[in-house]
PDB file of N, CA and C in Angstrom:
ATOM      1  N   MET A   1      33.295 146.997  -2.970  1.00  0.00           N
ATOM      2  CA  MET A   1      33.274 147.031  -4.425  1.00  0.00           C
ATOM      3  C   MET A   1      32.680 148.366  -4.871  1.00  0.00           C
ATOM      4  N   LEU A   2      33.336 148.982  -5.813  1.00  0.00           N
ATOM      5  CA  LEU A   2      32.940 150.305  -6.292  1.00  0.00           C
ATOM      6  C   LEU A   2      31.500 150.325  -6.810  1.00  0.00           C
ATOM      7  N   LEU A   3      31.114 149.319  -7.589  1.00  0.00           N
ATOM      8  CA  LEU A   3      29.757 149.317  -8.146  1.00  0.00           C
ATOM      9  C   LEU A   3      28.696 149.298  -7.056  1.00  0.00           C
ATOM     10  N   ALA A   4      28.939 148.556  -6.007  1.00  0.00           N
ATOM     11  CA  ALA A   4      27.974 148.496  -4.904  1.00  0.00           C
ATOM     12  C   ALA A   4      27.893 149.832  -4.175  1.00  0.00           C
ATOM     13  N   GLU A   5      28.978 150.583  -4.159  1.00  0.00           N
ATOM     14  CA  GLU A   5      28.969 151.905  -3.538  1.00  0.00           C
ATOM     15  C   GLU A   5      28.246 152.933  -4.403  1.00  0.00           C
ATOM     16  N   VAL A   6      28.323 152.781  -5.703  1.00  0.00           N
ATOM     17  CA  VAL A   6      27.722 153.739  -6.631  1.00  0.00           C
ATOM     18  C   VAL A   6      26.244 153.436  -6.853  1.00  0.00           C
ATOM     19  N   PHE A   7      25.944 152.209  -7.231  1.00  0.00           N
ATOM     20  CA  PHE A   7      24.560 151.827  -7.499  1.00  0.00           C
ATOM     21  C   PHE A   7      23.803 151.661  -6.194  1.00  0.00           C
ATOM     22  N   ALA A   8      22.498 151.771  -6.249  1.00  0.00           N
ATOM     23  CA  ALA A   8      21.643 151.541  -5.090  1.00  0.00           C
ATOM     24  C   ALA A   8      21.229 150.072  -5.071  1.00  0.00           C
ATOM     25  N   ILE A   9      22.211 149.221  -5.296  1.00  0.00           N
ATOM     26  CA  ILE A   9      22.004 147.776  -5.364  1.00  0.00           C
ATOM     27  C   ILE A   9      23.037 147.115  -4.470  1.00  0.00           C
ATOM     28  N   ASP A  10      22.557 146.282  -3.560  1.00  0.00           N
ATOM     29  CA  ASP A  10      23.451 145.561  -2.657  1.00  0.00           C
ATOM     30  C   ASP A  10      23.763 144.190  -3.234  1.00  0.00           C
ATOM     31  N   ILE A  11      25.015 143.769  -3.107  1.00  0.00           N
ATOM     32  CA  ILE A  11      25.423 142.438  -3.531  1.00  0.00           C
ATOM     33  C   ILE A  11      25.329 141.535  -2.306  1.00  0.00           C
ATOM     34  N   CYS A  12      24.372 140.640  -2.324  1.00  0.00           N
ATOM     35  CA  CYS A  12      24.159 139.743  -1.182  1.00  0.00           C
ATOM     36  C   CYS A  12      25.058 138.516  -1.269  1.00  0.00           C
ATOM     37  N   ALA A  13      25.249 138.004  -2.482  1.00  0.00           N
ATOM     38  CA  ALA A  13      26.108 136.836  -2.689  1.00  0.00           C
ATOM     39  C   ALA A  13      26.484 136.781  -4.160  1.00  0.00           C
ATOM     40  N   TYR A  14      27.587 136.108  -4.447  1.00  0.00           N
ATOM     41  CA  TYR A  14      27.978 135.908  -5.844  1.00  0.00           C
ATOM     42  C   TYR A  14      28.812 134.639  -5.953  1.00  0.00           C
ATOM     43  N   ALA A  15      28.816 134.072  -7.158  1.00  0.00           N
ATOM     44  CA  ALA A  15      29.648 132.912  -7.461  1.00  0.00           C
ATOM     45  C   ALA A  15      30.149 133.072  -8.882  1.00  0.00           C
ATOM     46  N   VAL A  16      31.456 133.028  -9.044  1.00  0.00           N
ATOM     47  CA  VAL A  16      32.056 133.146 -10.364  1.00  0.00           C
ATOM     48  C   VAL A  16      32.314 131.744 -10.887  1.00  0.00           C
ATOM     49  N   MET A  17      31.674 131.421 -11.993  1.00  0.00           N
ATOM     50  CA  MET A  17      31.822 130.109 -12.623  1.00  0.00           C
ATOM     51  C   MET A  17      32.811 130.234 -13.777  1.00  0.00           C
ATOM     52  N   SER A  18      33.093 129.145 -14.458  1.00  0.00           N
ATOM     53  CA  SER A  18      34.069 129.181 -15.542  1.00  0.00           C
ATOM     54  C   SER A  18      33.588 130.010 -16.724  1.00  0.00           C
ATOM     55  N   ASN A  19      32.280 130.080 -16.934  1.00  0.00           N
ATOM     56  CA  ASN A  19      31.790 130.803 -18.103  1.00  0.00           C
ATOM     57  C   ASN A  19      30.671 131.794 -17.798  1.00  0.00           C
ATOM     58  N   HIS A  20      30.395 132.059 -16.529  1.00  0.00           N
ATOM     59  CA  HIS A  20      29.384 133.040 -16.166  1.00  0.00           C
ATOM     60  C   HIS A  20      29.488 133.341 -14.676  1.00  0.00           C
ATOM     61  N   VAL A  21      28.646 134.242 -14.236  1.00  0.00           N
ATOM     62  CA  VAL A  21      28.635 134.613 -12.826  1.00  0.00           C
ATOM     63  C   VAL A  21      27.194 134.583 -12.316  1.00  0.00           C
ATOM     64  N   HIS A  22      27.023 134.133 -11.092  1.00  0.00           N
ATOM     65  CA  HIS A  22      25.727 134.177 -10.424  1.00  0.00           C
ATOM     66  C   HIS A  22      25.783 135.287  -9.385  1.00  0.00           C
ATOM     67  N   THR A  23      24.723 136.072  -9.302  1.00  0.00           N
ATOM     68  CA  THR A  23      24.662 137.124  -8.283  1.00  0.00           C
ATOM     69  C   THR A  23      23.301 137.100  -7.608  1.00  0.00           C
ATOM     70  N   VAL A  24      23.308 137.408  -6.340  1.00  0.00           N
ATOM     71  CA  VAL A  24      22.074 137.647  -5.590  1.00  0.00           C
ATOM     72  C   VAL A  24      22.127 139.123  -5.215  1.00  0.00           C
ATOM     73  N   LEU A  25      21.206 139.885  -5.777  1.00  0.00           N
ATOM     74  CA  LEU A  25      21.219 141.331  -5.622  1.00  0.00           C
ATOM     75  C   LEU A  25      19.959 141.810  -4.928  1.00  0.00           C
ATOM     76  N   TYR A  26      20.079 142.941  -4.252  1.00  0.00           N
ATOM     77  CA  TYR A  26      18.955 143.550  -3.553  1.00  0.00           C
ATOM     78  C   TYR A  26      18.920 145.029  -3.923  1.00  0.00           C
ATOM     79  N   ILE A  27      17.784 145.471  -4.464  1.00  0.00           N
ATOM     80  CA  ILE A  27      17.627 146.888  -4.797  1.00  0.00           C
ATOM     81  C   ILE A  27      17.357 147.634  -3.498  1.00  0.00           C
ATOM     82  N   ASN A  28      18.252 148.527  -3.145  1.00  0.00           N
ATOM     83  CA  ASN A  28      18.190 149.241  -1.877  1.00  0.00           C
ATOM     84  C   ASN A  28      17.284 150.465  -2.023  1.00  0.00           C
ATOM     85  N   ALA A  29      16.003 150.274  -1.755  1.00  0.00           N
ATOM     86  CA  ALA A  29      15.016 151.345  -1.924  1.00  0.00           C
ATOM     87  C   ALA A  29      15.255 152.511  -0.971  1.00  0.00           C
ATOM     88  N   ALA A  30      15.997 152.299   0.092  1.00  0.00           N
ATOM     89  CA  ALA A  30      16.284 153.384   1.036  1.00  0.00           C
ATOM     90  C   ALA A  30      17.057 154.513   0.360  1.00  0.00           C
ATOM     91  N   ASN A  31      17.727 154.220  -0.744  1.00  0.00           N
ATOM     92  CA  ASN A  31      18.506 155.234  -1.460  1.00  0.00           C
ATOM     93  C   ASN A  31      17.674 156.035  -2.453  1.00  0.00           C
ATOM     94  N   HIS A  32      16.359 155.806  -2.511  1.00  0.00           N
ATOM     95  CA  HIS A  32      15.525 156.567  -3.444  1.00  0.00           C
ATOM     96  C   HIS A  32      15.545 158.057  -3.137  1.00  0.00           C
ATOM     97  N   GLY A  33      15.907 158.422  -1.923  1.00  0.00           N
ATOM     98  CA  GLY A  33      15.909 159.823  -1.537  1.00  0.00           C
ATOM     99  C   GLY A  33      17.203 160.554  -1.834  1.00  0.00           C
ATOM    100  N   LEU A  34      18.045 160.019  -2.714  1.00  0.00           N
ATOM    101  CA  LEU A  34      19.301 160.684  -3.055  1.00  0.00           C
ATOM    102  C   LEU A  34      19.025 162.038  -3.700  1.00  0.00           C
ATOM    103  N   SER A  35      19.781 163.045  -3.303  1.00  0.00           N
ATOM    104  CA  SER A  35      19.651 164.356  -3.934  1.00  0.00           C
ATOM    105  C   SER A  35      20.220 164.303  -5.350  1.00  0.00           C
ATOM    106  N   ASP A  36      19.888 165.300  -6.146  1.00  0.00           N
ATOM    107  CA  ASP A  36      20.431 165.361  -7.507  1.00  0.00           C
ATOM    108  C   ASP A  36      21.958 165.397  -7.480  1.00  0.00           C
ATOM    109  N   LEU A  37      22.524 166.131  -6.549  1.00  0.00           N
ATOM    110  CA  LEU A  37      23.983 166.217  -6.454  1.00  0.00           C
ATOM    111  C   LEU A  37      24.585 164.858  -6.084  1.00  0.00           C
ATOM    112  N   GLU A  38      23.940 164.134  -5.170  1.00  0.00           N
ATOM    113  CA  GLU A  38      24.437 162.807  -4.790  1.00  0.00           C
ATOM    114  C   GLU A  38      24.381 161.841  -5.961  1.00  0.00           C
ATOM    115  N   VAL A  39      23.298 161.888  -6.733  1.00  0.00           N
ATOM    116  CA  VAL A  39      23.179 161.029  -7.916  1.00  0.00           C
ATOM    117  C   VAL A  39      24.296 161.364  -8.894  1.00  0.00           C
ATOM    118  N   CYS A  40      24.503 162.645  -9.139  1.00  0.00           N
ATOM    119  CA  CYS A  40      25.532 163.095 -10.077  1.00  0.00           C
ATOM    120  C   CYS A  40      26.922 162.649  -9.619  1.00  0.00           C
ATOM    121  N   GLU A  41      27.216 162.844  -8.357  1.00  0.00           N
ATOM    122  CA  GLU A  41      28.532 162.462  -7.833  1.00  0.00           C
ATOM    123  C   GLU A  41      28.743 160.954  -7.907  1.00  0.00           C
ATOM    124  N   ARG A  42      27.702 160.176  -7.602  1.00  0.00           N
ATOM    125  CA  ARG A  42      27.824 158.712  -7.712  1.00  0.00           C
ATOM    126  C   ARG A  42      28.105 158.307  -9.150  1.00  0.00           C
ATOM    127  N   TRP A  43      27.329 158.872 -10.096  1.00  0.00           N
ATOM    128  CA  TRP A  43      27.484 158.500 -11.504  1.00  0.00           C
ATOM    129  C   TRP A  43      28.881 158.872 -12.005  1.00  0.00           C
ATOM    130  N   HIS A  44      29.366 160.030 -11.578  1.00  0.00           N
ATOM    131  CA  HIS A  44      30.691 160.481 -12.015  1.00  0.00           C
ATOM    132  C   HIS A  44      31.820 159.623 -11.445  1.00  0.00           C
ATOM    133  N   ARG A  45      31.550 158.827 -10.444  1.00  0.00           N
ATOM    134  CA  ARG A  45      32.571 157.908  -9.943  1.00  0.00           C
ATOM    135  C   ARG A  45      32.853 156.800 -10.955  1.00  0.00           C
ATOM    136  N   LEU A  46      31.863 156.499 -11.803  1.00  0.00           N
ATOM    137  CA  LEU A  46      32.023 155.451 -12.822  1.00  0.00           C
ATOM    138  C   LEU A  46      32.227 156.009 -14.224  1.00  0.00           C
ATOM    139  N   TYR A  47      31.516 157.082 -14.517  1.00  0.00           N
ATOM    140  CA  TYR A  47      31.495 157.618 -15.878  1.00  0.00           C
ATOM    141  C   TYR A  47      31.831 159.105 -15.855  1.00  0.00           C
ATOM    142  N   LYS A  48      32.328 159.572 -16.976  1.00  0.00           N
ATOM    143  CA  LYS A  48      32.755 160.964 -17.094  1.00  0.00           C
ATOM    144  C   LYS A  48      31.590 161.942 -16.977  1.00  0.00           C
ATOM    145  N   GLY A  49      30.422 161.562 -17.448  1.00  0.00           N
ATOM    146  CA  GLY A  49      29.292 162.486 -17.458  1.00  0.00           C
ATOM    147  C   GLY A  49      29.390 163.434 -18.637  1.00  0.00           C
ATOM    148  N   THR A  50      28.727 164.564 -18.537  1.00  0.00           N
ATOM    149  CA  THR A  50      28.747 165.562 -19.602  1.00  0.00           C
ATOM    150  C   THR A  50      29.375 166.842 -19.064  1.00  0.00           C
ATOM    151  N   VAL A  51      29.650 167.753 -19.952  1.00  0.00           N
ATOM    152  CA  VAL A  51      30.189 169.050 -19.537  1.00  0.00           C
ATOM    153  C   VAL A  51      29.222 169.716 -18.552  1.00  0.00           C
ATOM    154  N   LEU A  52      27.930 169.627 -18.841  1.00  0.00           N
ATOM    155  CA  LEU A  52      26.945 170.259 -17.964  1.00  0.00           C
ATOM    156  C   LEU A  52      26.863 169.571 -16.604  1.00  0.00           C
ATOM    157  N   THR A  53      26.906 168.238 -16.583  1.00  0.00           N
ATOM    158  CA  THR A  53      26.818 167.561 -15.278  1.00  0.00           C
ATOM    159  C   THR A  53      28.088 167.783 -14.461  1.00  0.00           C
ATOM    160  N   GLN A  54      29.210 167.934 -15.148  1.00  0.00           N
ATOM    161  CA  GLN A  54      30.451 168.264 -14.424  1.00  0.00           C
ATOM    162  C   GLN A  54      30.355 169.665 -13.833  1.00  0.00           C
ATOM    163  N   LYS A  55      29.763 170.572 -14.598  1.00  0.00           N
ATOM    164  CA  LYS A  55      29.545 171.944 -14.120  1.00  0.00           C
ATOM    165  C   LYS A  55      28.615 171.941 -12.910  1.00  0.00           C
ATOM    166  N   PHE A  56      27.550 171.134 -12.982  1.00  0.00           N
ATOM    167  CA  PHE A  56      26.608 171.008 -11.874  1.00  0.00           C
ATOM    168  C   PHE A  56      27.306 170.450 -10.629  1.00  0.00           C
ATOM    169  N   ALA A  57      28.140 169.429 -10.814  1.00  0.00           N
ATOM    170  CA  ALA A  57      28.843 168.803  -9.691  1.00  0.00           C
ATOM    171  C   ALA A  57      29.793 169.793  -9.006  1.00  0.00           C
ATOM    172  N   ARG A  58      30.370 170.704  -9.791  1.00  0.00           N
ATOM    173  CA  ARG A  58      31.239 171.739  -9.210  1.00  0.00           C
ATOM    174  C   ARG A  58      30.426 172.860  -8.582  1.00  0.00           C
ATOM    175  N   GLN A  59      29.118 172.790  -8.786  1.00  0.00           N
ATOM    176  CA  GLN A  59      28.167 173.794  -8.305  1.00  0.00           C
ATOM    177  C   GLN A  59      28.446 175.172  -8.892  1.00  0.00           C
ATOM    178  N   ASP A  60      28.874 175.174 -10.164  1.00  0.00           N
ATOM    179  CA  ASP A  60      29.052 176.422 -10.906  1.00  0.00           C
ATOM    180  C   ASP A  60      27.676 176.989 -11.267  1.00  0.00           C
ATOM    181  N   PRO A  61      27.573 178.295 -11.446  1.00  0.00           N
ATOM    182  CA  PRO A  61      26.290 178.889 -11.859  1.00  0.00           C
ATOM    183  C   PRO A  61      25.856 178.342 -13.221  1.00  0.00           C
ATOM    184  N   MET A  62      24.543 178.094 -13.354  1.00  0.00           N
ATOM    185  CA  MET A  62      23.993 177.564 -14.605  1.00  0.00           C
ATOM    186  C   MET A  62      22.737 178.345 -14.958  1.00  0.00           C
ATOM    187  N   ASN A  63      22.527 178.538 -16.277  1.00  0.00           N
ATOM    188  CA  ASN A  63      21.291 179.192 -16.699  1.00  0.00           C
ATOM    189  C   ASN A  63      20.144 178.180 -16.655  1.00  0.00           C
ATOM    190  N   LYS A  64      18.936 178.655 -16.879  1.00  0.00           N
ATOM    191  CA  LYS A  64      17.739 177.817 -16.746  1.00  0.00           C
ATOM    192  C   LYS A  64      17.758 176.633 -17.712  1.00  0.00           C
ATOM    193  N   ALA A  65      18.165 176.855 -18.952  1.00  0.00           N
ATOM    194  CA  ALA A  65      18.206 175.778 -19.946  1.00  0.00           C
ATOM    195  C   ALA A  65      19.206 174.687 -19.519  1.00  0.00           C
ATOM    196  N   GLU A  66      20.349 175.106 -19.002  1.00  0.00           N
ATOM    197  CA  GLU A  66      21.337 174.138 -18.530  1.00  0.00           C
ATOM    198  C   GLU A  66      20.794 173.346 -17.339  1.00  0.00           C
ATOM    199  N   GLN A  67      20.108 174.021 -16.437  1.00  0.00           N
ATOM    200  CA  GLN A  67      19.524 173.348 -15.273  1.00  0.00           C
ATOM    201  C   GLN A  67      18.512 172.294 -15.696  1.00  0.00           C
ATOM    202  N   VAL A  68      17.682 172.620 -16.685  1.00  0.00           N
ATOM    203  CA  VAL A  68      16.679 171.667 -17.180  1.00  0.00           C
ATOM    204  C   VAL A  68      17.369 170.459 -17.811  1.00  0.00           C
ATOM    205  N   ALA A  69      18.393 170.705 -18.631  1.00  0.00           N
ATOM    206  CA  ALA A  69      19.121 169.610 -19.281  1.00  0.00           C
ATOM    207  C   ALA A  69      19.782 168.695 -18.251  1.00  0.00           C
ATOM    208  N   VAL A  70      20.379 169.286 -17.232  1.00  0.00           N
ATOM    209  CA  VAL A  70      21.035 168.497 -16.177  1.00  0.00           C
ATOM    210  C   VAL A  70      19.996 167.703 -15.396  1.00  0.00           C
ATOM    211  N   LYS A  71      18.870 168.321 -15.089  1.00  0.00           N
ATOM    212  CA  LYS A  71      17.814 167.637 -14.337  1.00  0.00           C
ATOM    213  C   LYS A  71      17.321 166.408 -15.088  1.00  0.00           C
ATOM    214  N   LEU A  72      17.125 166.529 -16.398  1.00  0.00           N
ATOM    215  CA  LEU A  72      16.688 165.386 -17.206  1.00  0.00           C
ATOM    216  C   LEU A  72      17.718 164.265 -17.181  1.00  0.00           C
ATOM    217  N   ARG A  73      18.986 164.631 -17.317  1.00  0.00           N
ATOM    218  CA  ARG A  73      20.056 163.632 -17.309  1.00  0.00           C
ATOM    219  C   ARG A  73      20.140 162.945 -15.945  1.00  0.00           C
ATOM    220  N   ILE A  74      20.069 163.712 -14.884  1.00  0.00           N
ATOM    221  CA  ILE A  74      20.179 163.155 -13.532  1.00  0.00           C
ATOM    222  C   ILE A  74      18.973 162.278 -13.201  1.00  0.00           C
ATOM    223  N   ASP A  75      17.799 162.652 -13.677  1.00  0.00           N
ATOM    224  CA  ASP A  75      16.620 161.807 -13.463  1.00  0.00           C
ATOM    225  C   ASP A  75      16.821 160.436 -14.112  1.00  0.00           C
ATOM    226  N   GLN A  76      17.447 160.404 -15.301  1.00  0.00           N
ATOM    227  CA  GLN A  76      17.732 159.124 -15.961  1.00  0.00           C
ATOM    228  C   GLN A  76      18.790 158.350 -15.178  1.00  0.00           C
ATOM    229  N   TRP A  77      19.824 159.036 -14.718  1.00  0.00           N
ATOM    230  CA  TRP A  77      20.864 158.378 -13.925  1.00  0.00           C
ATOM    231  C   TRP A  77      20.290 157.804 -12.644  1.00  0.00           C
ATOM    232  N   ARG A  78      19.353 158.517 -12.035  1.00  0.00           N
ATOM    233  CA  ARG A  78      18.721 158.029 -10.796  1.00  0.00           C
ATOM    234  C   ARG A  78      18.055 156.682 -11.061  1.00  0.00           C
ATOM    235  N   LEU A  79      17.313 156.586 -12.167  1.00  0.00           N
ATOM    236  CA  LEU A  79      16.691 155.309 -12.545  1.00  0.00           C
ATOM    237  C   LEU A  79      17.751 154.242 -12.786  1.00  0.00           C
ATOM    238  N   ASN A  80      18.829 154.618 -13.451  1.00  0.00           N
ATOM    239  CA  ASN A  80      19.906 153.666 -13.750  1.00  0.00           C
ATOM    240  C   ASN A  80      20.536 153.102 -12.480  1.00  0.00           C
ATOM    241  N   LEU A  81      20.632 153.913 -11.439  1.00  0.00           N
ATOM    242  CA  LEU A  81      21.262 153.464 -10.198  1.00  0.00           C
ATOM    243  C   LEU A  81      20.461 152.360  -9.504  1.00  0.00           C
ATOM    244  N   PHE A  82      19.200 152.184  -9.884  1.00  0.00           N
ATOM    245  CA  PHE A  82      18.352 151.139  -9.322  1.00  0.00           C
ATOM    246  C   PHE A  82      18.077 150.025 -10.326  1.00  0.00           C
ATOM    247  N   ASP A  83      18.760 150.040 -11.460  1.00  0.00           N
ATOM    248  CA  ASP A  83      18.495 149.112 -12.563  1.00  0.00           C
ATOM    249  C   ASP A  83      19.514 147.969 -12.544  1.00  0.00           C
ATOM    250  N   ILE A  84      19.034 146.762 -12.324  1.00  0.00           N
ATOM    251  CA  ILE A  84      19.928 145.601 -12.252  1.00  0.00           C
ATOM    252  C   ILE A  84      20.628 145.377 -13.591  1.00  0.00           C
ATOM    253  N   SER A  85      19.938 145.604 -14.699  1.00  0.00           N
ATOM    254  CA  SER A  85      20.572 145.427 -16.020  1.00  0.00           C
ATOM    255  C   SER A  85      21.753 146.376 -16.199  1.00  0.00           C
ATOM    256  N   LYS A  86      21.581 147.624 -15.784  1.00  0.00           N
ATOM    257  CA  LYS A  86      22.680 148.603 -15.880  1.00  0.00           C
ATOM    258  C   LYS A  86      23.830 148.192 -14.966  1.00  0.00           C
ATOM    259  N   PHE A  87      23.502 147.680 -13.786  1.00  0.00           N
ATOM    260  CA  PHE A  87      24.516 147.208 -12.847  1.00  0.00           C
ATOM    261  C   PHE A  87      25.325 146.066 -13.471  1.00  0.00           C
ATOM    262  N   MET A  88      24.632 145.087 -14.034  1.00  0.00           N
ATOM    263  CA  MET A  88      25.322 143.928 -14.616  1.00  0.00           C
ATOM    264  C   MET A  88      26.161 144.337 -15.831  1.00  0.00           C
ATOM    265  N   LYS A  89      25.678 145.288 -16.608  1.00  0.00           N
ATOM    266  CA  LYS A  89      26.468 145.790 -17.736  1.00  0.00           C
ATOM    267  C   LYS A  89      27.749 146.437 -17.223  1.00  0.00           C
ATOM    268  N   ALA A  90      27.623 147.249 -16.178  1.00  0.00           N
ATOM    269  CA  ALA A  90      28.800 147.911 -15.606  1.00  0.00           C
ATOM    270  C   ALA A  90      29.765 146.893 -15.007  1.00  0.00           C
ATOM    271  N   LEU A  91      29.255 145.783 -14.524  1.00  0.00           N
ATOM    272  CA  LEU A  91      30.099 144.726 -13.967  1.00  0.00           C
ATOM    273  C   LEU A  91      30.816 143.948 -15.062  1.00  0.00           C
ATOM    274  N   ASN A  92      30.087 143.585 -16.109  1.00  0.00           N
ATOM    275  CA  ASN A  92      30.634 142.707 -17.144  1.00  0.00           C
ATOM    276  C   ASN A  92      31.484 143.414 -18.194  1.00  0.00           C
ATOM    277  N   GLU A  93      31.176 144.658 -18.496  1.00  0.00           N
ATOM    278  CA  GLU A  93      31.871 145.340 -19.591  1.00  0.00           C
ATOM    279  C   GLU A  93      33.388 145.443 -19.388  1.00  0.00           C
ATOM    280  N   PRO A  94      33.874 145.873 -18.231  1.00  0.00           N
ATOM    281  CA  PRO A  94      35.339 145.946 -18.066  1.00  0.00           C
ATOM    282  C   PRO A  94      36.015 144.585 -18.162  1.00  0.00           C
ATOM    283  N   ILE A  95      35.354 143.543 -17.667  1.00  0.00           N
ATOM    284  CA  ILE A  95      35.917 142.193 -17.755  1.00  0.00           C
ATOM    285  C   ILE A  95      36.038 141.778 -19.214  1.00  0.00           C
ATOM    286  N   ALA A  96      34.989 142.031 -19.987  1.00  0.00           N
ATOM    287  CA  ALA A  96      34.998 141.679 -21.403  1.00  0.00           C
ATOM    288  C   ALA A  96      36.061 142.472 -22.157  1.00  0.00           C
ATOM    289  N   ARG A  97      36.214 143.747 -21.844  1.00  0.00           N
ATOM    290  CA  ARG A  97      37.229 144.574 -22.519  1.00  0.00           C
ATOM    291  C   ARG A  97      38.647 144.062 -22.227  1.00  0.00           C
ATOM    292  N   MET A  98      38.896 143.705 -20.976  1.00  0.00           N
ATOM    293  CA  MET A  98      40.223 143.167 -20.626  1.00  0.00           C
ATOM    294  C   MET A  98      40.489 141.850 -21.337  1.00  0.00           C
ATOM    295  N   ALA A  99      39.482 140.971 -21.361  1.00  0.00           N
ATOM    296  CA  ALA A  99      39.650 139.680 -22.030  1.00  0.00           C
ATOM    297  C   ALA A  99      39.831 139.876 -23.529  1.00  0.00           C
ATOM    298  N   ASN A 100      39.072 140.785 -24.131  1.00  0.00           N
ATOM    299  CA  ASN A 100      39.207 141.059 -25.561  1.00  0.00           C
ATOM    300  C   ASN A 100      40.606 141.587 -25.883  1.00  0.00           C
ATOM    301  N   ALA A 101      41.115 142.486 -25.050  1.00  0.00           N
ATOM    302  CA  ALA A 101      42.461 143.032 -25.282  1.00  0.00           C
ATOM    303  C   ALA A 101      43.506 141.926 -25.155  1.00  0.00           C
ATOM    304  N   GLU A 102      43.343 141.088 -24.153  1.00  0.00           N
ATOM    305  CA  GLU A 102      44.300 139.990 -23.949  1.00  0.00           C
ATOM    306  C   GLU A 102      44.264 138.995 -25.101  1.00  0.00           C
ATOM    307  N   ASP A 103      43.046 138.689 -25.581  1.00  0.00           N
ATOM    308  CA  ASP A 103      42.884 137.707 -26.663  1.00  0.00           C
ATOM    309  C   ASP A 103      42.972 138.335 -28.052  1.00  0.00           C
ATOM    310  N   LYS A 104      43.107 139.671 -28.105  1.00  0.00           N
ATOM    311  CA  LYS A 104      43.162 140.401 -29.376  1.00  0.00           C
ATOM    312  C   LYS A 104      41.946 140.074 -30.253  1.00  0.00           C
ATOM    313  N   CYS A 105      40.765 140.192 -29.658  1.00  0.00           N
ATOM    314  CA  CYS A 105      39.536 139.929 -30.398  1.00  0.00           C
ATOM    315  C   CYS A 105      38.428 140.836 -29.870  1.00  0.00           C
ATOM    316  N   THR A 106      37.244 140.673 -30.424  1.00  0.00           N
ATOM    317  CA  THR A 106      36.094 141.446 -29.979  1.00  0.00           C
ATOM    318  C   THR A 106      34.953 140.486 -29.689  1.00  0.00           C
ATOM    319  N   GLY A 107      33.910 140.991 -29.085  1.00  0.00           N
ATOM    320  CA  GLY A 107      32.734 140.166 -28.811  1.00  0.00           C
ATOM    321  C   GLY A 107      32.504 139.992 -27.329  1.00  0.00           C
ATOM    322  N   ARG A 108      31.454 139.272 -27.016  1.00  0.00           N
ATOM    323  CA  ARG A 108      31.098 139.044 -25.621  1.00  0.00           C
ATOM    324  C   ARG A 108      32.021 138.008 -25.007  1.00  0.00           C
ATOM    325  N   PHE A 109      32.534 138.328 -23.867  1.00  0.00           N
ATOM    326  CA  PHE A 109      33.530 137.499 -23.185  1.00  0.00           C
ATOM    327  C   PHE A 109      32.986 136.119 -22.830  1.00  0.00           C
ATOM    328  N   TYR A 110      31.845 136.049 -22.154  1.00  0.00           N
ATOM    329  CA  TYR A 110      31.346 134.765 -21.673  1.00  0.00           C
ATOM    330  C   TYR A 110      30.922 133.854 -22.808  1.00  0.00           C
ATOM    331  N   LYS A 111      30.470 134.410 -23.920  1.00  0.00           N
ATOM    332  CA  LYS A 111      30.109 133.568 -25.063  1.00  0.00           C
ATOM    333  C   LYS A 111      31.341 132.886 -25.644  1.00  0.00           C
ATOM    334  N   ARG A 112      32.489 133.550 -25.593  1.00  0.00           N
ATOM    335  CA  ARG A 112      33.720 132.934 -26.095  1.00  0.00           C
ATOM    336  C   ARG A 112      34.170 131.802 -25.187  1.00  0.00           C
ATOM    337  N   LEU A 113      33.905 131.901 -23.899  1.00  0.00           N
ATOM    338  CA  LEU A 113      34.333 130.863 -22.964  1.00  0.00           C
ATOM    339  C   LEU A 113      33.483 129.611 -23.063  1.00  0.00           C
ATOM    340  N   LEU A 114      32.231 129.747 -23.452  1.00  0.00           N
ATOM    341  CA  LEU A 114      31.308 128.627 -23.445  1.00  0.00           C
ATOM    342  C   LEU A 114      31.813 127.427 -24.249  1.00  0.00           C
ATOM    343  N   PRO A 115      32.272 127.571 -25.508  1.00  0.00           N
ATOM    344  CA  PRO A 115      32.744 126.400 -26.236  1.00  0.00           C
ATOM    345  C   PRO A 115      33.892 125.687 -25.506  1.00  0.00           C
ATOM    346  N   PHE A 116      34.787 126.437 -24.878  1.00  0.00           N
ATOM    347  CA  PHE A 116      35.902 125.835 -24.144  1.00  0.00           C
ATOM    348  C   PHE A 116      35.394 125.076 -22.922  1.00  0.00           C
ATOM    349  N   ALA A 117      34.411 125.620 -22.249  1.00  0.00           N
ATOM    350  CA  ALA A 117      33.846 124.972 -21.059  1.00  0.00           C
ATOM    351  C   ALA A 117      33.134 123.691 -21.455  1.00  0.00           C
ATOM    352  N   LEU A 118      32.448 123.714 -22.609  1.00  0.00           N
ATOM    353  CA  LEU A 118      31.744 122.503 -23.055  1.00  0.00           C
ATOM    354  C   LEU A 118      32.731 121.425 -23.474  1.00  0.00           C
ATOM    355  N   ARG A 119      33.835 121.805 -24.109  1.00  0.00           N
ATOM    356  CA  ARG A 119      34.842 120.829 -24.514  1.00  0.00           C
ATOM    357  C   ARG A 119      35.529 120.196 -23.311  1.00  0.00           C
ATOM    358  N   ALA A 120      35.700 120.991 -22.256  1.00  0.00           N
ATOM    359  CA  ALA A 120      36.422 120.505 -21.080  1.00  0.00           C
ATOM    360  C   ALA A 120      35.582 119.518 -20.273  1.00  0.00           C
ATOM    361  N   SER A 121      34.271 119.535 -20.446  1.00  0.00           N
ATOM    362  CA  SER A 121      33.435 118.635 -19.645  1.00  0.00           C
ATOM    363  C   SER A 121      33.233 117.291 -20.281  1.00  0.00           C
TER     364      SER A 121
END
């Protein structure tokens, strides 16, 4: 799974229910030693990043101000790669977007399923 490759979080087990998902996750502390370039490349596998982080990933020359801006952004991304909330958002958001497009509506996907699940029981 792409998210498990990008985030420093291992998926130990999961169960998809009719209106939610259960996950058993493990924060892989061994990945705390990722270089700035590794963090940037991992993040860019999921998200576009910024013009500066793309420049950094290509290893183009950067002035001092650009280096500082990229370092701040990458430090935040490093924290995000170990954040279970960010992981779950990245997992749930595409599912919700697909369901919203299919149903021609907006809102949280699992909340829409709940009334149907309660009626079915």
